Protein backbone atom coordinates (compact mmCIF):
# COMPACT_ATOMS: atom_id res chain seq x y z
CA MET A 1 -14.86 4.57 -13.17
CA PRO A 2 -12.22 2.04 -12.50
CA ASP A 3 -12.97 -1.67 -12.80
CA PHE A 4 -13.52 -2.43 -9.22
CA ASN A 5 -13.41 -6.34 -9.86
CA ASN A 6 -9.91 -5.78 -11.00
CA ARG A 7 -8.93 -3.57 -8.11
CA THR A 8 -10.41 -6.26 -5.76
CA ASP A 9 -8.60 -8.93 -7.37
CA TRP A 10 -5.07 -6.80 -6.80
CA GLU A 11 -6.40 -6.30 -3.09
CA ASP A 12 -6.83 -9.82 -2.72
CA LYS A 13 -3.64 -10.98 -4.28
CA LEU A 14 -1.43 -8.24 -2.40
CA SER A 15 -3.20 -9.35 0.85
CA ARG A 16 -2.44 -12.79 0.37
CA GLN A 17 1.07 -12.28 -0.79
CA LEU A 18 1.85 -10.24 2.46
CA ALA A 19 0.02 -12.87 4.71
CA ARG A 20 2.24 -15.59 3.54
CA LEU A 21 5.48 -13.48 3.87
CA GLN A 22 4.53 -12.05 7.21
CA GLN A 23 3.98 -15.85 8.52
CA ARG A 24 7.41 -16.59 6.89
CA GLU A 25 8.93 -13.67 8.74
CA LEU A 26 7.19 -14.31 11.93
CA THR A 27 8.85 -17.63 12.03
CA ARG A 28 12.13 -16.48 11.01
CA LEU A 29 11.75 -13.61 14.11
CA ILE A 30 10.91 -15.99 16.63
CA GLU A 31 13.67 -18.19 15.96
CA ALA A 32 16.32 -15.16 15.59
CA LEU A 33 14.89 -14.10 19.13
CA GLY A 34 16.24 -17.28 20.67
CA GLU A 35 15.08 -18.64 24.06
CA PRO A 36 14.71 -16.71 26.36
CA PRO A 37 14.07 -14.00 23.55
CA SER A 38 16.36 -11.05 23.55
CA LEU A 39 16.15 -7.90 20.97
CA ASP A 40 19.99 -8.14 21.01
CA ASN A 41 19.90 -11.28 18.92
CA LEU A 42 18.17 -9.34 15.80
CA HIS A 43 21.11 -7.82 14.34
CA PRO A 44 21.00 -5.07 11.58
CA GLU A 45 21.22 -8.03 9.15
CA PHE A 46 18.08 -9.34 10.18
CA TRP A 47 15.99 -6.19 9.61
CA ASN A 48 17.87 -5.58 6.29
CA GLU A 49 16.67 -9.10 5.24
CA PHE A 50 13.16 -8.36 6.40
CA SER A 51 13.06 -5.14 4.58
CA THR A 52 14.46 -6.74 1.36
CA THR A 53 11.94 -9.49 1.40
CA LEU A 54 9.20 -7.01 1.53
CA ARG A 55 10.58 -4.82 -0.92
CA GLY A 56 10.86 -7.94 -3.48
CA GLU A 57 7.13 -8.53 -2.91
CA LEU A 58 5.79 -5.15 -2.78
CA ILE A 59 7.61 -2.83 -5.34
CA PRO A 60 6.72 -5.36 -8.50
CA THR A 61 3.20 -5.33 -7.45
CA LEU A 62 2.69 -1.70 -6.93
CA GLU A 63 4.33 -1.09 -10.27
CA ARG A 64 1.86 -3.30 -12.06
CA ILE A 65 -1.19 -1.45 -10.41
CA PHE A 66 0.12 1.96 -11.05
CA LEU A 67 0.01 0.65 -14.83
CA ASP A 68 -3.25 -0.91 -14.37
CA GLY A 69 -4.90 2.35 -13.03
CA ALA A 70 -3.07 4.34 -16.04
CA GLU A 71 -4.49 1.73 -18.60
CA GLN A 72 -8.06 2.23 -17.24
CA THR A 73 -7.73 5.94 -17.27
CA LEU A 74 -6.20 5.93 -20.79
CA GLY A 75 -9.37 3.98 -21.57
CA THR A 76 -11.69 6.94 -20.84
CA THR A 77 -10.08 9.10 -23.70
CA SER A 78 -9.05 9.19 -27.33
CA ILE A 79 -5.71 10.73 -26.84
CA GLY A 80 -2.78 8.52 -26.73
CA VAL A 81 0.21 8.78 -24.59
CA ASP A 82 3.67 7.26 -24.79
CA TRP A 83 3.34 4.01 -22.91
CA ALA A 84 7.11 3.76 -22.44
CA LEU A 85 7.15 6.93 -20.54
CA ILE A 86 4.22 5.84 -18.29
CA ASN A 87 6.18 2.47 -17.77
CA GLN A 88 9.17 4.38 -16.87
CA ALA A 89 7.19 6.66 -14.29
CA ALA A 90 5.63 3.52 -12.99
CA ALA A 91 9.19 1.78 -12.08
CA GLN A 92 10.30 5.20 -10.69
CA TRP A 93 7.34 5.83 -8.36
CA ALA A 94 6.98 2.15 -7.18
CA ARG A 95 10.76 2.03 -6.29
CA SER A 96 10.69 5.09 -4.70
CA TYR A 97 7.46 4.71 -2.61
CA GLY A 98 8.04 1.22 -2.09
CA TYR A 99 11.28 1.76 -0.16
CA ASP A 100 9.43 4.54 2.14
CA LEU A 101 6.59 2.17 2.48
CA VAL A 102 8.94 -0.77 3.50
CA GLN A 103 10.93 1.26 6.13
CA ASP A 104 7.73 2.46 7.58
CA ILE A 105 6.45 -1.17 7.93
CA THR A 106 9.78 -2.38 9.29
CA THR A 107 10.05 0.54 11.86
CA ASN A 108 6.49 -0.21 13.21
CA THR A 109 7.11 -3.56 13.33
CA ARG A 110 10.40 -2.82 15.38
CA THR A 111 8.51 -0.67 17.92
CA ALA A 112 5.58 -2.79 18.51
CA LEU A 113 8.09 -5.76 18.87
CA GLN A 114 9.92 -3.53 21.72
CA GLU A 115 6.46 -2.84 23.35
CA LYS A 116 5.50 -6.76 23.36
CA LEU A 117 8.62 -8.38 24.37
CA PRO A 118 8.77 -7.48 28.03
CA ALA A 119 5.23 -9.31 28.58
CA TYR A 120 7.16 -12.60 27.92
CA PHE A 121 9.22 -11.97 31.10
CA GLU A 122 6.54 -9.89 33.27
CA GLN A 123 3.77 -12.59 32.62
CA GLY A 124 5.95 -15.49 32.29
CA GLN A 125 5.18 -16.52 28.73
CA THR A 126 5.98 -19.38 26.67
CA ILE A 127 7.57 -18.90 23.20
CA GLY A 128 4.12 -20.20 21.89
CA GLN A 129 2.29 -17.51 23.61
CA LEU A 130 4.93 -14.91 22.60
CA ARG A 131 4.43 -15.87 19.27
CA GLU A 132 0.54 -15.71 19.39
CA SER A 133 0.79 -12.24 21.09
CA LEU A 134 2.78 -11.12 17.75
CA GLN A 135 0.23 -12.71 15.30
CA PRO A 136 -1.43 -9.14 14.96
CA LEU A 137 1.71 -7.66 13.52
CA PHE A 138 2.16 -10.37 10.96
CA GLY A 139 -1.45 -11.76 10.54
CA PRO A 140 -4.05 -11.30 7.84
CA VAL A 141 -5.77 -8.19 9.11
CA ARG A 142 -2.62 -6.06 8.97
CA ALA A 143 -1.87 -7.49 5.74
CA GLU A 144 -5.34 -6.62 4.47
CA LEU A 145 -5.00 -3.14 5.62
CA ILE A 146 -1.98 -2.52 3.98
CA ALA A 147 -2.98 -4.17 0.51
CA THR A 148 -6.41 -2.17 0.42
CA THR A 149 -4.73 1.14 1.18
CA GLU A 150 -1.73 0.74 -0.95
CA VAL A 151 -3.50 -0.78 -4.03
CA THR A 152 -5.65 2.63 -3.99
CA ARG A 153 -2.63 4.75 -3.77
CA ALA A 154 -0.89 2.94 -6.54
CA ALA A 155 -3.95 2.94 -8.79
CA VAL A 156 -4.62 6.61 -8.19
CA GLN A 157 -0.85 7.42 -9.16
CA GLY A 158 -1.34 5.61 -12.56
CA GLU A 159 -4.47 7.63 -13.12
CA LEU A 160 -2.72 10.97 -12.24
CA GLU A 161 0.31 10.01 -14.56
CA THR A 162 -1.71 9.36 -17.49
CA ALA A 163 -3.65 12.79 -16.90
CA ARG A 164 -0.08 14.51 -16.76
CA GLN A 165 1.28 12.94 -19.83
CA ILE A 166 -1.98 13.97 -21.58
CA SER A 167 -1.45 17.50 -20.22
CA GLN A 168 1.84 17.69 -21.85
CA ALA A 169 0.37 17.15 -25.09
CA GLY A 170 -1.52 20.31 -24.51
CA VAL A 171 -4.82 19.15 -23.36
CA GLN A 172 -5.37 20.03 -19.75
CA MET A 173 -7.48 17.74 -17.57
CA VAL A 174 -8.78 18.23 -14.19
CA ALA A 175 -8.90 15.61 -11.40
CA ILE A 176 -12.25 14.66 -9.52
CA TRP A 177 -12.42 12.78 -6.49
CA GLN A 178 -14.86 10.02 -6.64
CA THR A 179 -16.41 7.86 -3.86
CA ASN A 180 -19.18 4.91 -4.13
CA ASN A 181 -21.26 7.38 -2.54
CA ASP A 182 -23.07 4.81 -0.50
CA ASP A 183 -23.65 4.17 3.17
CA PHE A 184 -20.23 2.76 3.65
CA VAL A 185 -18.13 5.65 2.44
CA CYS A 186 -16.52 7.19 5.61
CA PRO A 187 -17.08 10.89 6.75
CA ILE A 188 -13.38 11.93 5.71
CA CYS A 189 -14.13 10.89 2.04
CA ALA A 190 -17.99 11.52 1.66
CA PRO A 191 -17.70 15.30 1.41
CA LEU A 192 -15.11 15.23 -1.11
CA ASN A 193 -17.06 13.16 -3.60
CA GLN A 194 -17.32 14.83 -7.05
CA LYS A 195 -15.18 17.74 -5.71
CA ARG A 196 -12.44 19.11 -8.26
CA TYR A 197 -8.73 19.32 -7.48
CA GLY A 198 -8.24 22.46 -5.46
CA ASP A 199 -11.86 22.44 -4.14
CA GLY A 200 -11.63 20.81 -0.91
CA TRP A 201 -8.54 18.61 -1.72
CA THR A 202 -5.25 18.72 -2.89
CA VAL A 203 -3.95 15.33 -1.71
CA PRO A 204 -5.27 12.44 -3.64
CA PRO A 205 -6.49 9.41 -2.24
CA PRO A 206 -6.09 7.41 -0.10
CA ALA A 207 -7.33 9.82 2.52
CA HIS A 208 -6.96 7.22 5.27
CA PRO A 209 -6.17 3.57 5.78
CA ARG A 210 -8.54 1.06 3.78
CA CYS A 211 -9.57 4.19 1.69
CA ARG A 212 -10.95 2.86 -1.61
CA CYS A 213 -11.62 6.07 -3.56
CA TRP A 214 -10.45 7.07 -7.13
CA ILE A 215 -9.64 9.74 -9.39
CA SER A 216 -11.56 10.69 -12.41
CA HIS A 217 -10.54 13.33 -15.12
CA GLU A 218 -12.31 15.51 -17.38
CA PHE A 219 -11.16 18.12 -19.90
CA SER A 220 -10.78 21.51 -18.22
């Protein structure tokens, strides 16, 4: 079972990172939009910088969470692995997935902005009101949602990579879906509790935004 105090620490840390970053980006966005605001003022360089800043925050953190998940899984068995290979896998996964994640965040932000901006003119809003309407895109709720989901994803990937490395040593392990099995477990994940890979699931956690499930392994 993973150390949930440690996972909660990662969630809090990443959530705070993202919340601070997003507030800075919201300020930069409002300034770039101009007054009256225009999407034409948001040149490709703006969004490139937005994505680069996000990647700079997310990718190193995802890599460290991956390694933490790997280390915790390794602690449940006496079989060793080449830690250099785990580190290499963590860096490759975090870089590849981090680019995709940031692209999704950036695309969703741009789409939502395109929907929000017309209200400035239709409702005669002030710049302050426009900024307030954009807060959900850049505020703590979205930051916490992303953090919780992506901490689960990165930790599980580390767990799976450790099991894969062990299997290459000739010792086969099977993945088992785990939930807290309490009243807070969602109807999506509850039926998967204690299910082995292939028995109801083939795609690992997270199964949905804010999913906090994990994977354990046993020798097959």
